[in-house]
Amino acid sequence: VQLQASGGGLVQPGGSLRLSCAASGKIFSPHVMGWYRQAPGKQRALVATITAVGITNYADFVEGRFTISRDNAKLTVDLQMNSLKPEDTAVYYCYAFRGRAYWGQGTLVTVSS
């Protein structure tokens, strides 16, 4: 199973980005998919997750700015990020869980003027 993330980049404070992640490989129907992030000098932290039936969970710091969505048929998970702040700067990792955790390669999000 491979997770391929895309959509990172440089954005100004207050801007938006959409991250996408696609799972490929053997037949795979993860119970949970989501996003984590790791800022420089900090531990990897949960951003948002979504179950196969659409139950979502967000970190407190999201504060309603991000929306996670999932397409079970396409095995994709997206993260729409609005009102981005400099403190959102981090490498964002796609995540999936079914029996064990699977991680994507990470995509860098930089929020800076």
PDB file of N, CA and C in Angstrom:
ATOM      1  N   VAL A   1       0.850  -1.184   0.000  1.00  0.00           N
ATOM      2  CA  VAL A   1       0.000   0.000   0.000  1.00  0.00           C
ATOM      3  C   VAL A   1       0.889   1.239   0.000  1.00  0.00           C
ATOM      4  N   GLN A   2       0.564   2.172  -0.871  1.00  0.00           N
ATOM      5  CA  GLN A   2       1.278   3.440  -0.919  1.00  0.00           C
ATOM      6  C   GLN A   2       0.295   4.587  -0.796  1.00  0.00           C
ATOM      7  N   LEU A   3       0.730   5.630  -0.104  1.00  0.00           N
ATOM      8  CA  LEU A   3      -0.051   6.846   0.037  1.00  0.00           C
ATOM      9  C   LEU A   3       0.721   7.971  -0.621  1.00  0.00           C
ATOM     10  N   GLN A   4       0.110   8.603  -1.592  1.00  0.00           N
ATOM     11  CA  GLN A   4       0.763   9.675  -2.338  1.00  0.00           C
ATOM     12  C   GLN A   4       0.052  10.985  -2.052  1.00  0.00           C
ATOM     13  N   ALA A   5       0.787  11.894  -1.393  1.00  0.00           N
ATOM     14  CA  ALA A   5       0.214  13.184  -1.023  1.00  0.00           C
ATOM     15  C   ALA A   5       0.648  14.267  -2.007  1.00  0.00           C
ATOM     16  N   SER A   6      -0.205  15.252  -2.173  1.00  0.00           N
ATOM     17  CA  SER A   6       0.112  16.377  -3.045  1.00  0.00           C
ATOM     18  C   SER A   6      -0.641  17.605  -2.570  1.00  0.00           C
ATOM     19  N   GLY A   7      -0.236  18.768  -3.093  1.00  0.00           N
ATOM     20  CA  GLY A   7      -0.978  19.979  -2.813  1.00  0.00           C
ATOM     21  C   GLY A   7      -0.298  20.969  -1.901  1.00  0.00           C
ATOM     22  N   GLY A   8       0.852  20.628  -1.352  1.00  0.00           N
ATOM     23  CA  GLY A   8       1.538  21.572  -0.493  1.00  0.00           C
ATOM     24  C   GLY A   8       2.133  22.718  -1.285  1.00  0.00           C
ATOM     25  N   GLY A   9       2.644  23.704  -0.565  1.00  0.00           N
ATOM     26  CA  GLY A   9       3.275  24.830  -1.230  1.00  0.00           C
ATOM     27  C   GLY A   9       3.369  26.024  -0.315  1.00  0.00           C
ATOM     28  N   LEU A  10       3.654  27.158  -0.918  1.00  0.00           N
ATOM     29  CA  LEU A  10       3.795  28.421  -0.194  1.00  0.00           C
ATOM     30  C   LEU A  10       2.513  29.232  -0.343  1.00  0.00           C
ATOM     31  N   VAL A  11       2.008  29.729   0.767  1.00  0.00           N
ATOM     32  CA  VAL A  11       0.788  30.523   0.747  1.00  0.00           C
ATOM     33  C   VAL A  11       0.924  31.641   1.766  1.00  0.00           C
ATOM     34  N   GLN A  12       0.302  32.753   1.497  1.00  0.00           N
ATOM     35  CA  GLN A  12       0.334  33.872   2.429  1.00  0.00           C
ATOM     36  C   GLN A  12      -0.632  33.643   3.583  1.00  0.00           C
ATOM     37  N   PRO A  13      -0.367  34.245   4.714  1.00  0.00           N
ATOM     38  CA  PRO A  13      -1.312  34.150   5.836  1.00  0.00           C
ATOM     39  C   PRO A  13      -2.711  34.567   5.404  1.00  0.00           C
ATOM     40  N   GLY A  14      -3.689  33.791   5.844  1.00  0.00           N
ATOM     41  CA  GLY A  14      -5.072  34.026   5.444  1.00  0.00           C
ATOM     42  C   GLY A  14      -5.478  33.292   4.187  1.00  0.00           C
ATOM     43  N   GLY A  15      -4.516  32.708   3.505  1.00  0.00           N
ATOM     44  CA  GLY A  15      -4.794  31.997   2.260  1.00  0.00           C
ATOM     45  C   GLY A  15      -5.288  30.587   2.485  1.00  0.00           C
ATOM     46  N   SER A  16      -5.462  29.873   1.372  1.00  0.00           N
ATOM     47  CA  SER A  16      -6.003  28.515   1.408  1.00  0.00           C
ATOM     48  C   SER A  16      -5.140  27.566   0.596  1.00  0.00           C
ATOM     49  N   LEU A  17      -5.167  26.322   1.001  1.00  0.00           N
ATOM     50  CA  LEU A  17      -4.539  25.237   0.262  1.00  0.00           C
ATOM     51  C   LEU A  17      -5.404  24.002   0.406  1.00  0.00           C
ATOM     52  N   ARG A  18      -5.309  23.137  -0.583  1.00  0.00           N
ATOM     53  CA  ARG A  18      -6.018  21.869  -0.517  1.00  0.00           C
ATOM     54  C   ARG A  18      -5.003  20.745  -0.691  1.00  0.00           C
ATOM     55  N   LEU A  19      -4.910  19.896   0.288  1.00  0.00           N
ATOM     56  CA  LEU A  19      -4.036  18.730   0.219  1.00  0.00           C
ATOM     57  C   LEU A  19      -4.858  17.521  -0.211  1.00  0.00           C
ATOM     58  N   SER A  20      -4.240  16.698  -1.035  1.00  0.00           N
ATOM     59  CA  SER A  20      -4.898  15.477  -1.488  1.00  0.00           C
ATOM     60  C   SER A  20      -3.976  14.292  -1.269  1.00  0.00           C
ATOM     61  N   CYS A  21      -4.577  13.156  -1.027  1.00  0.00           N
ATOM     62  CA  CYS A  21      -3.808  11.933  -0.814  1.00  0.00           C
ATOM     63  C   CYS A  21      -4.559  10.774  -1.450  1.00  0.00           C
ATOM     64  N   ALA A  22      -3.823   9.985  -2.207  1.00  0.00           N
ATOM     65  CA  ALA A  22      -4.419   8.828  -2.860  1.00  0.00           C
ATOM     66  C   ALA A  22      -3.711   7.560  -2.413  1.00  0.00           C
ATOM     67  N   ALA A  23      -4.489   6.558  -2.073  1.00  0.00           N
ATOM     68  CA  ALA A  23      -3.934   5.267  -1.676  1.00  0.00           C
ATOM     69  C   ALA A  23      -3.944   4.329  -2.868  1.00  0.00           C
ATOM     70  N   SER A  24      -2.899   3.559  -2.988  1.00  0.00           N
ATOM     71  CA  SER A  24      -2.818   2.587  -4.076  1.00  0.00           C
ATOM     72  C   SER A  24      -2.135   1.333  -3.573  1.00  0.00           C
ATOM     73  N   GLY A  25      -2.260   0.280  -4.321  1.00  0.00           N
ATOM     74  CA  GLY A  25      -1.635  -0.967  -3.924  1.00  0.00           C
ATOM     75  C   GLY A  25      -2.641  -2.083  -3.857  1.00  0.00           C
ATOM     76  N   LYS A  26      -2.438  -2.975  -2.925  1.00  0.00           N
ATOM     77  CA  LYS A  26      -3.340  -4.113  -2.818  1.00  0.00           C
ATOM     78  C   LYS A  26      -4.720  -3.633  -2.378  1.00  0.00           C
ATOM     79  N   ILE A  27      -5.692  -4.513  -2.497  1.00  0.00           N
ATOM     80  CA  ILE A  27      -7.052  -4.150  -2.094  1.00  0.00           C
ATOM     81  C   ILE A  27      -7.013  -3.603  -0.672  1.00  0.00           C
ATOM     82  N   PHE A  28      -7.513  -2.398  -0.500  1.00  0.00           N
ATOM     83  CA  PHE A  28      -7.273  -1.681   0.727  1.00  0.00           C
ATOM     84  C   PHE A  28      -8.465  -0.811   1.047  1.00  0.00           C
ATOM     85  N   SER A  29      -9.075  -1.056   2.168  1.00  0.00           N
ATOM     86  CA  SER A  29     -10.192  -0.243   2.611  1.00  0.00           C
ATOM     87  C   SER A  29      -9.915   0.191   4.032  1.00  0.00           C
ATOM     88  N   PRO A  30      -9.202   1.293   4.189  1.00  0.00           N
ATOM     89  CA  PRO A  30      -8.802   1.698   5.526  1.00  0.00           C
ATOM     90  C   PRO A  30      -9.969   2.123   6.403  1.00  0.00           C
ATOM     91  N   HIS A  31      -9.902   1.769   7.655  1.00  0.00           N
ATOM     92  CA  HIS A  31     -10.928   2.204   8.603  1.00  0.00           C
ATOM     93  C   HIS A  31     -10.865   3.710   8.806  1.00  0.00           C
ATOM     94  N   VAL A  32      -9.640   4.222   8.882  1.00  0.00           N
ATOM     95  CA  VAL A  32      -9.428   5.643   9.140  1.00  0.00           C
ATOM     96  C   VAL A  32      -8.413   6.185   8.149  1.00  0.00           C
ATOM     97  N   MET A  33      -8.667   7.374   7.669  1.00  0.00           N
ATOM     98  CA  MET A  33      -7.695   8.115   6.875  1.00  0.00           C
ATOM     99  C   MET A  33      -7.592   9.512   7.458  1.00  0.00           C
ATOM    100  N   GLY A  34      -6.473  10.155   7.210  1.00  0.00           N
ATOM    101  CA  GLY A  34      -6.355  11.485   7.776  1.00  0.00           C
ATOM    102  C   GLY A  34      -5.032  12.140   7.487  1.00  0.00           C
ATOM    103  N   TRP A  35      -4.785  13.182   8.265  1.00  0.00           N
ATOM    104  CA  TRP A  35      -3.585  13.994   8.098  1.00  0.00           C
ATOM    105  C   TRP A  35      -2.962  14.288   9.459  1.00  0.00           C
ATOM    106  N   TYR A  36      -1.652  14.202   9.485  1.00  0.00           N
ATOM    107  CA  TYR A  36      -0.848  14.642  10.609  1.00  0.00           C
ATOM    108  C   TYR A  36       0.117  15.695  10.087  1.00  0.00           C
ATOM    109  N   ARG A  37       0.729  16.422  10.990  1.00  0.00           N
ATOM    110  CA  ARG A  37       1.740  17.387  10.570  1.00  0.00           C
ATOM    111  C   ARG A  37       2.885  17.424  11.567  1.00  0.00           C
ATOM    112  N   GLN A  38       4.045  17.824  11.039  1.00  0.00           N
ATOM    113  CA  GLN A  38       5.221  17.954  11.894  1.00  0.00           C
ATOM    114  C   GLN A  38       5.911  19.264  11.560  1.00  0.00           C
ATOM    115  N   ALA A  39       5.895  20.162  12.528  1.00  0.00           N
ATOM    116  CA  ALA A  39       6.574  21.442  12.382  1.00  0.00           C
ATOM    117  C   ALA A  39       8.025  21.276  12.817  1.00  0.00           C
ATOM    118  N   PRO A  40       8.902  22.152  12.348  1.00  0.00           N
ATOM    119  CA  PRO A  40      10.319  22.055  12.727  1.00  0.00           C
ATOM    120  C   PRO A  40      10.498  22.048  14.244  1.00  0.00           C
ATOM    121  N   GLY A  41      11.235  21.064  14.728  1.00  0.00           N
ATOM    122  CA  GLY A  41      11.516  20.977  16.152  1.00  0.00           C
ATOM    123  C   GLY A  41      10.378  20.458  17.005  1.00  0.00           C
ATOM    124  N   LYS A  42       9.293  20.014  16.375  1.00  0.00           N
ATOM    125  CA  LYS A  42       8.140  19.529  17.120  1.00  0.00           C
ATOM    126  C   LYS A  42       7.807  18.096  16.718  1.00  0.00           C
ATOM    127  N   GLN A  43       7.035  17.455  17.561  1.00  0.00           N
ATOM    128  CA  GLN A  43       6.595  16.094  17.263  1.00  0.00           C
ATOM    129  C   GLN A  43       5.452  16.112  16.250  1.00  0.00           C
ATOM    130  N   ARG A  44       5.316  14.984  15.566  1.00  0.00           N
ATOM    131  CA  ARG A  44       4.198  14.844  14.639  1.00  0.00           C
ATOM    132  C   ARG A  44       2.884  14.891  15.414  1.00  0.00           C
ATOM    133  N   ALA A  45       1.929  15.633  14.902  1.00  0.00           N
ATOM    134  CA  ALA A  45       0.671  15.851  15.603  1.00  0.00           C
ATOM    135  C   ALA A  45      -0.512  15.614  14.671  1.00  0.00           C
ATOM    136  N   LEU A  46      -1.583  15.107  15.236  1.00  0.00           N
ATOM    137  CA  LEU A  46      -2.803  14.889  14.460  1.00  0.00           C
ATOM    138  C   LEU A  46      -3.389  16.225  14.006  1.00  0.00           C
ATOM    139  N   VAL A  47      -3.850  16.243  12.758  1.00  0.00           N
ATOM    140  CA  VAL A  47      -4.573  17.406  12.249  1.00  0.00           C
ATOM    141  C   VAL A  47      -6.060  17.061  12.152  1.00  0.00           C
ATOM    142  N   ALA A  48      -6.342  16.000  11.407  1.00  0.00           N
ATOM    143  CA  ALA A  48      -7.737  15.591  11.225  1.00  0.00           C
ATOM    144  C   ALA A  48      -7.782  14.156  10.732  1.00  0.00           C
ATOM    145  N   THR A  49      -8.832  13.444  11.116  1.00  0.00           N
ATOM    146  CA  THR A  49      -9.059  12.090  10.619  1.00  0.00           C
ATOM    147  C   THR A  49     -10.522  11.932  10.240  1.00  0.00           C
ATOM    148  N   ILE A  50     -10.766  10.932   9.418  1.00  0.00           N
ATOM    149  CA  ILE A  50     -12.130  10.631   8.998  1.00  0.00           C
ATOM    150  C   ILE A  50     -12.262   9.128   8.858  1.00  0.00           C
ATOM    151  N   THR A  51     -13.342   8.583   9.378  1.00  0.00           N
ATOM    152  CA  THR A  51     -13.549   7.148   9.285  1.00  0.00           C
ATOM    153  C   THR A  51     -14.221   6.792   7.964  1.00  0.00           C
ATOM    154  N   ALA A  52     -14.341   5.508   7.720  1.00  0.00           N
ATOM    155  CA  ALA A  52     -14.951   5.045   6.484  1.00  0.00           C
ATOM    156  C   ALA A  52     -16.420   5.454   6.371  1.00  0.00           C
ATOM    157  N   VAL A  53     -17.062   5.720   7.498  1.00  0.00           N
ATOM    158  CA  VAL A  53     -18.461   6.148   7.473  1.00  0.00           C
ATOM    159  C   VAL A  53     -18.610   7.657   7.661  1.00  0.00           C
ATOM    160  N   GLY A  54     -17.478   8.358   7.607  1.00  0.00           N
ATOM    161  CA  GLY A  54     -17.538   9.809   7.589  1.00  0.00           C
ATOM    162  C   GLY A  54     -17.475  10.523   8.923  1.00  0.00           C
ATOM    163  N   ILE A  55     -17.140   9.820   9.961  1.00  0.00           N
ATOM    164  CA  ILE A  55     -16.998  10.485  11.260  1.00  0.00           C
ATOM    165  C   ILE A  55     -15.646  11.187  11.298  1.00  0.00           C
ATOM    166  N   THR A  56     -15.680  12.469  11.606  1.00  0.00           N
ATOM    167  CA  THR A  56     -14.460  13.270  11.567  1.00  0.00           C
ATOM    168  C   THR A  56     -13.979  13.639  12.965  1.00  0.00           C
ATOM    169  N   ASN A  57     -12.689  13.910  13.042  1.00  0.00           N
ATOM    170  CA  ASN A  57     -12.065  14.343  14.281  1.00  0.00           C
ATOM    171  C   ASN A  57     -11.003  15.373  13.912  1.00  0.00           C
ATOM    172  N   TYR A  58     -11.018  16.501  14.599  1.00  0.00           N
ATOM    173  CA  TYR A  58     -10.080  17.575  14.307  1.00  0.00           C
ATOM    174  C   TYR A  58      -9.289  17.941  15.555  1.00  0.00           C
ATOM    175  N   ALA A  59      -8.052  18.345  15.330  1.00  0.00           N
ATOM    176  CA  ALA A  59      -7.258  18.885  16.427  1.00  0.00           C
ATOM    177  C   ALA A  59      -7.835  20.231  16.854  1.00  0.00           C
ATOM    178  N   ASP A  60      -7.612  20.580  18.106  1.00  0.00           N
ATOM    179  CA  ASP A  60      -8.145  21.839  18.628  1.00  0.00           C
ATOM    180  C   ASP A  60      -7.640  23.038  17.834  1.00  0.00           C
ATOM    181  N   PHE A  61      -6.399  22.969  17.380  1.00  0.00           N
ATOM    182  CA  PHE A  61      -5.827  24.141  16.713  1.00  0.00           C
ATOM    183  C   PHE A  61      -6.468  24.400  15.345  1.00  0.00           C
ATOM    184  N   VAL A  62      -7.228  23.460  14.837  1.00  0.00           N
ATOM    185  CA  VAL A  62      -7.882  23.673  13.551  1.00  0.00           C
ATOM    186  C   VAL A  62      -8.918  24.778  13.658  1.00  0.00           C
ATOM    187  N   GLU A  63      -9.661  24.807  14.751  1.00  0.00           N
ATOM    188  CA  GLU A  63     -10.592  25.903  15.041  1.00  0.00           C
ATOM    189  C   GLU A  63     -11.552  26.187  13.890  1.00  0.00           C
ATOM    190  N   GLY A  64     -12.018  25.132  13.213  1.00  0.00           N
ATOM    191  CA  GLY A  64     -12.996  25.294  12.150  1.00  0.00           C
ATOM    192  C   GLY A  64     -12.441  25.761  10.823  1.00  0.00           C
ATOM    193  N   ARG A  65     -11.128  25.847  10.706  1.00  0.00           N
ATOM    194  CA  ARG A  65     -10.535  26.377   9.479  1.00  0.00           C
ATOM    195  C   ARG A  65     -10.319  25.297   8.415  1.00  0.00           C
ATOM    196  N   PHE A  66     -10.201  24.048   8.838  1.00  0.00           N
ATOM    197  CA  PHE A  66      -9.896  22.952   7.915  1.00  0.00           C
ATOM    198  C   PHE A  66     -11.103  22.033   7.787  1.00  0.00           C
ATOM    199  N   THR A  67     -11.220  21.408   6.613  1.00  0.00           N
ATOM    200  CA  THR A  67     -12.266  20.419   6.382  1.00  0.00           C
ATOM    201  C   THR A  67     -11.656  19.187   5.730  1.00  0.00           C
ATOM    202  N   ILE A  68     -11.882  18.044   6.343  1.00  0.00           N
ATOM    203  CA  ILE A  68     -11.384  16.791   5.783  1.00  0.00           C
ATOM    204  C   ILE A  68     -12.525  16.082   5.064  1.00  0.00           C
ATOM    205  N   SER A  69     -12.183  15.456   3.950  1.00  0.00           N
ATOM    206  CA  SER A  69     -13.182  14.710   3.196  1.00  0.00           C
ATOM    207  C   SER A  69     -12.522  13.459   2.618  1.00  0.00           C
ATOM    208  N   ARG A  70     -13.367  12.529   2.226  1.00  0.00           N
ATOM    209  CA  ARG A  70     -12.848  11.230   1.814  1.00  0.00           C
ATOM    210  C   ARG A  70     -13.736  10.649   0.721  1.00  0.00           C
ATOM    211  N   ASP A  71     -13.097   9.983  -0.229  1.00  0.00           N
ATOM    212  CA  ASP A  71     -13.821   9.267  -1.276  1.00  0.00           C
ATOM    213  C   ASP A  71     -13.442   7.798  -1.156  1.00  0.00           C
ATOM    214  N   ASN A  72     -14.347   7.002  -0.630  1.00  0.00           N
ATOM    215  CA  ASN A  72     -14.028   5.594  -0.399  1.00  0.00           C
ATOM    216  C   ASN A  72     -13.835   4.818  -1.702  1.00  0.00           C
ATOM    217  N   ALA A  73     -14.534   5.206  -2.737  1.00  0.00           N
ATOM    218  CA  ALA A  73     -14.393   4.506  -4.013  1.00  0.00           C
ATOM    219  C   ALA A  73     -13.027   4.767  -4.640  1.00  0.00           C
ATOM    220  N   LYS A  74     -12.558   5.986  -4.500  1.00  0.00           N
ATOM    221  CA  LYS A  74     -11.266   6.361  -5.094  1.00  0.00           C
ATOM    222  C   LYS A  74     -10.115   6.190  -4.111  1.00  0.00           C
ATOM    223  N   LEU A  75     -10.418   5.899  -2.850  1.00  0.00           N
ATOM    224  CA  LEU A  75      -9.396   5.783  -1.796  1.00  0.00           C
ATOM    225  C   LEU A  75      -8.568   7.061  -1.699  1.00  0.00           C
ATOM    226  N   THR A  76      -9.253   8.170  -1.633  1.00  0.00           N
ATOM    227  CA  THR A  76      -8.579   9.448  -1.482  1.00  0.00           C
ATOM    228  C   THR A  76      -9.085  10.162  -0.229  1.00  0.00           C
ATOM    229  N   VAL A  77      -8.210  10.986   0.316  1.00  0.00           N
ATOM    230  CA  VAL A  77      -8.588  11.836   1.433  1.00  0.00           C
ATOM    231  C   VAL A  77      -8.018  13.220   1.166  1.00  0.00           C
ATOM    232  N   ASP A  78      -8.837  14.239   1.311  1.00  0.00           N
ATOM    233  CA  ASP A  78      -8.442  15.614   1.064  1.00  0.00           C
ATOM    234  C   ASP A  78      -8.544  16.427   2.343  1.00  0.00           C
ATOM    235  N   LEU A  79      -7.734  17.473   2.390  1.00  0.00           N
ATOM    236  CA  LEU A  79      -7.794  18.410   3.506  1.00  0.00           C
ATOM    237  C   LEU A  79      -7.840  19.814   2.932  1.00  0.00           C
ATOM    238  N   GLN A  80      -8.986  20.454   3.063  1.00  0.00           N
ATOM    239  CA  GLN A  80      -9.138  21.844   2.640  1.00  0.00           C
ATOM    240  C   GLN A  80      -8.752  22.722   3.819  1.00  0.00           C
ATOM    241  N   MET A  81      -7.744  23.548   3.606  1.00  0.00           N
ATOM    242  CA  MET A  81      -7.243  24.401   4.679  1.00  0.00           C
ATOM    243  C   MET A  81      -7.475  25.852   4.321  1.00  0.00           C
ATOM    244  N   ASN A  82      -8.238  26.539   5.133  1.00  0.00           N
ATOM    245  CA  ASN A  82      -8.533  27.956   4.931  1.00  0.00           C
ATOM    246  C   ASN A  82      -7.982  28.776   6.094  1.00  0.00           C
ATOM    247  N   SER A  83      -7.913  30.058   5.890  1.00  0.00           N
ATOM    248  CA  SER A  83      -7.446  30.986   6.933  1.00  0.00           C
ATOM    249  C   SER A  83      -6.128  30.505   7.531  1.00  0.00           C
ATOM    250  N   LEU A  84      -5.198  30.166   6.690  1.00  0.00           N
ATOM    251  CA  LEU A  84      -3.934  29.610   7.156  1.00  0.00           C
ATOM    252  C   LEU A  84      -3.124  30.640   7.920  1.00  0.00           C
ATOM    253  N   LYS A  85      -2.415  30.144   8.927  1.00  0.00           N
ATOM    254  CA  LYS A  85      -1.592  30.982   9.788  1.00  0.00           C
ATOM    255  C   LYS A  85      -0.131  30.541   9.661  1.00  0.00           C
ATOM    256  N   PRO A  86       0.804  31.424   9.976  1.00  0.00           N
ATOM    257  CA  PRO A  86       2.220  31.023   9.928  1.00  0.00           C
ATOM    258  C   PRO A  86       2.503  29.782  10.770  1.00  0.00           C
ATOM    259  N   GLU A  87       1.796  29.624  11.863  1.00  0.00           N
ATOM    260  CA  GLU A  87       2.023  28.451  12.727  1.00  0.00           C
ATOM    261  C   GLU A  87       1.506  27.149  12.119  1.00  0.00           C
ATOM    262  N   ASP A  88       0.816  27.227  10.994  1.00  0.00           N
ATOM    263  CA  ASP A  88       0.410  26.027  10.267  1.00  0.00           C
ATOM    264  C   ASP A  88       1.543  25.480   9.395  1.00  0.00           C
ATOM    265  N   THR A  89       2.632  26.215   9.315  1.00  0.00           N
ATOM    266  CA  THR A  89       3.775  25.757   8.537  1.00  0.00           C
ATOM    267  C   THR A  89       4.297  24.436   9.085  1.00  0.00           C
ATOM    268  N   ALA A  90       4.367  23.438   8.229  1.00  0.00           N
ATOM    269  CA  ALA A  90       4.776  22.098   8.658  1.00  0.00           C
ATOM    270  C   ALA A  90       4.819  21.180   7.454  1.00  0.00           C
ATOM    271  N   VAL A  91       5.385  20.014   7.657  1.00  0.00           N
ATOM    272  CA  VAL A  91       5.244  18.939   6.683  1.00  0.00           C
ATOM    273  C   VAL A  91       3.982  18.173   7.058  1.00  0.00           C
ATOM    274  N   TYR A  92       3.104  18.011   6.103  1.00  0.00           N
ATOM    275  CA  TYR A  92       1.824  17.340   6.334  1.00  0.00           C
ATOM    276  C   TYR A  92       1.902  15.920   5.774  1.00  0.00           C
ATOM    277  N   TYR A  93       1.516  14.967   6.604  1.00  0.00           N
ATOM    278  CA  TYR A  93       1.597  13.558   6.244  1.00  0.00           C
ATOM    279  C   TYR A  93       0.197  12.949   6.141  1.00  0.00           C
ATOM    280  N   CYS A  94      -0.006  12.274   5.041  1.00  0.00           N
ATOM    281  CA  CYS A  94      -1.216  11.503   4.867  1.00  0.00           C
ATOM    282  C   CYS A  94      -1.120  10.216   5.688  1.00  0.00           C
ATOM    283  N   TYR A  95      -2.232   9.774   6.203  1.00  0.00           N
ATOM    284  CA  TYR A  95      -2.263   8.639   7.127  1.00  0.00           C
ATOM    285  C   TYR A  95      -3.461   7.751   6.819  1.00  0.00           C
ATOM    286  N   ALA A  96      -3.242   6.462   6.969  1.00  0.00           N
ATOM    287  CA  ALA A  96      -4.349   5.513   6.835  1.00  0.00           C
ATOM    288  C   ALA A  96      -4.135   4.386   7.826  1.00  0.00           C
ATOM    289  N   PHE A  97      -5.232   3.832   8.300  1.00  0.00           N
ATOM    290  CA  PHE A  97      -5.123   2.751   9.274  1.00  0.00           C
ATOM    291  C   PHE A  97      -6.089   1.639   8.937  1.00  0.00           C
ATOM    292  N   ARG A  98      -5.507   0.443   8.816  1.00  0.00           N
ATOM    293  CA  ARG A  98      -6.291  -0.783   8.766  1.00  0.00           C
ATOM    294  C   ARG A  98      -5.377  -1.891   9.267  1.00  0.00           C
ATOM    295  N   GLY A  99      -5.499  -2.230  10.498  1.00  0.00           N
ATOM    296  CA  GLY A  99      -4.633  -3.243  11.109  1.00  0.00           C
ATOM    297  C   GLY A  99      -3.292  -2.671  11.535  1.00  0.00           C
ATOM    298  N   ARG A 100      -2.827  -1.724  10.783  1.00  0.00           N
ATOM    299  CA  ARG A 100      -1.583  -1.008  11.084  1.00  0.00           C
ATOM    300  C   ARG A 100      -1.648   0.351  10.429  1.00  0.00           C
ATOM    301  N   ALA A 101      -0.718   1.194  10.823  1.00  0.00           N
ATOM    302  CA  ALA A 101      -0.680   2.538  10.260  1.00  0.00           C
ATOM    303  C   ALA A 101       0.149   2.569   8.982  1.00  0.00           C
ATOM    304  N   TYR A 102      -0.340   3.345   8.024  1.00  0.00           N
ATOM    305  CA  TYR A 102       0.381   3.595   6.783  1.00  0.00           C
ATOM    306  C   TYR A 102       0.592   5.101   6.669  1.00  0.00           C
ATOM    307  N   TRP A 103       1.765   5.498   6.154  1.00  0.00           N
ATOM    308  CA  TRP A 103       2.097   6.917   6.055  1.00  0.00           C
ATOM    309  C   TRP A 103       2.509   7.272   4.641  1.00  0.00           C
ATOM    310  N   GLY A 104       2.112   8.466   4.216  1.00  0.00           N
ATOM    311  CA  GLY A 104       2.595   9.012   2.969  1.00  0.00           C
ATOM    312  C   GLY A 104       3.940   9.678   3.177  1.00  0.00           C
ATOM    313  N   GLN A 105       4.479  10.239   2.106  1.00  0.00           N
ATOM    314  CA  GLN A 105       5.833  10.773   2.144  1.00  0.00           C
ATOM    315  C   GLN A 105       5.900  12.185   2.711  1.00  0.00           C
ATOM    316  N   GLY A 106       4.801  12.858   2.872  1.00  0.00           N
ATOM    317  CA  GLY A 106       4.809  14.204   3.414  1.00  0.00           C
ATOM    318  C   GLY A 106       4.832  15.256   2.326  1.00  0.00           C
ATOM    319  N   THR A 107       4.119  16.345   2.570  1.00  0.00           N
ATOM    320  CA  THR A 107       4.119  17.475   1.653  1.00  0.00           C
ATOM    321  C   THR A 107       4.264  18.748   2.486  1.00  0.00           C
ATOM    322  N   LEU A 108       5.152  19.621   2.060  1.00  0.00           N
ATOM    323  CA  LEU A 108       5.475  20.811   2.835  1.00  0.00           C
ATOM    324  C   LEU A 108       4.473  21.926   2.582  1.00  0.00           C
ATOM    325  N   VAL A 109       3.960  22.472   3.669  1.00  0.00           N
ATOM    326  CA  VAL A 109       3.094  23.648   3.629  1.00  0.00           C
ATOM    327  C   VAL A 109       3.831  24.782   4.339  1.00  0.00           C
ATOM    328  N   THR A 110       4.027  25.876   3.637  1.00  0.00           N
ATOM    329  CA  THR A 110       4.694  27.041   4.208  1.00  0.00           C
ATOM    330  C   THR A 110       3.738  28.220   4.144  1.00  0.00           C
ATOM    331  N   VAL A 111       3.455  28.788   5.302  1.00  0.00           N
ATOM    332  CA  VAL A 111       2.572  29.950   5.377  1.00  0.00           C
ATOM    333  C   VAL A 111       3.427  31.144   5.773  1.00  0.00           C
ATOM    334  N   SER A 112       3.624  32.040   4.823  1.00  0.00           N
ATOM    335  CA  SER A 112       4.521  33.152   5.055  1.00  0.00           C
ATOM    336  C   SER A 112       4.210  34.282   4.090  1.00  0.00           C
ATOM    337  N   SER A 113       4.446  35.490   4.557  1.00  0.00           N
ATOM    338  CA  SER A 113       4.266  36.647   3.681  1.00  0.00           C
ATOM    339  C   SER A 113       5.594  37.019   3.025  1.00  0.00           C
TER     340      SER A 113
END
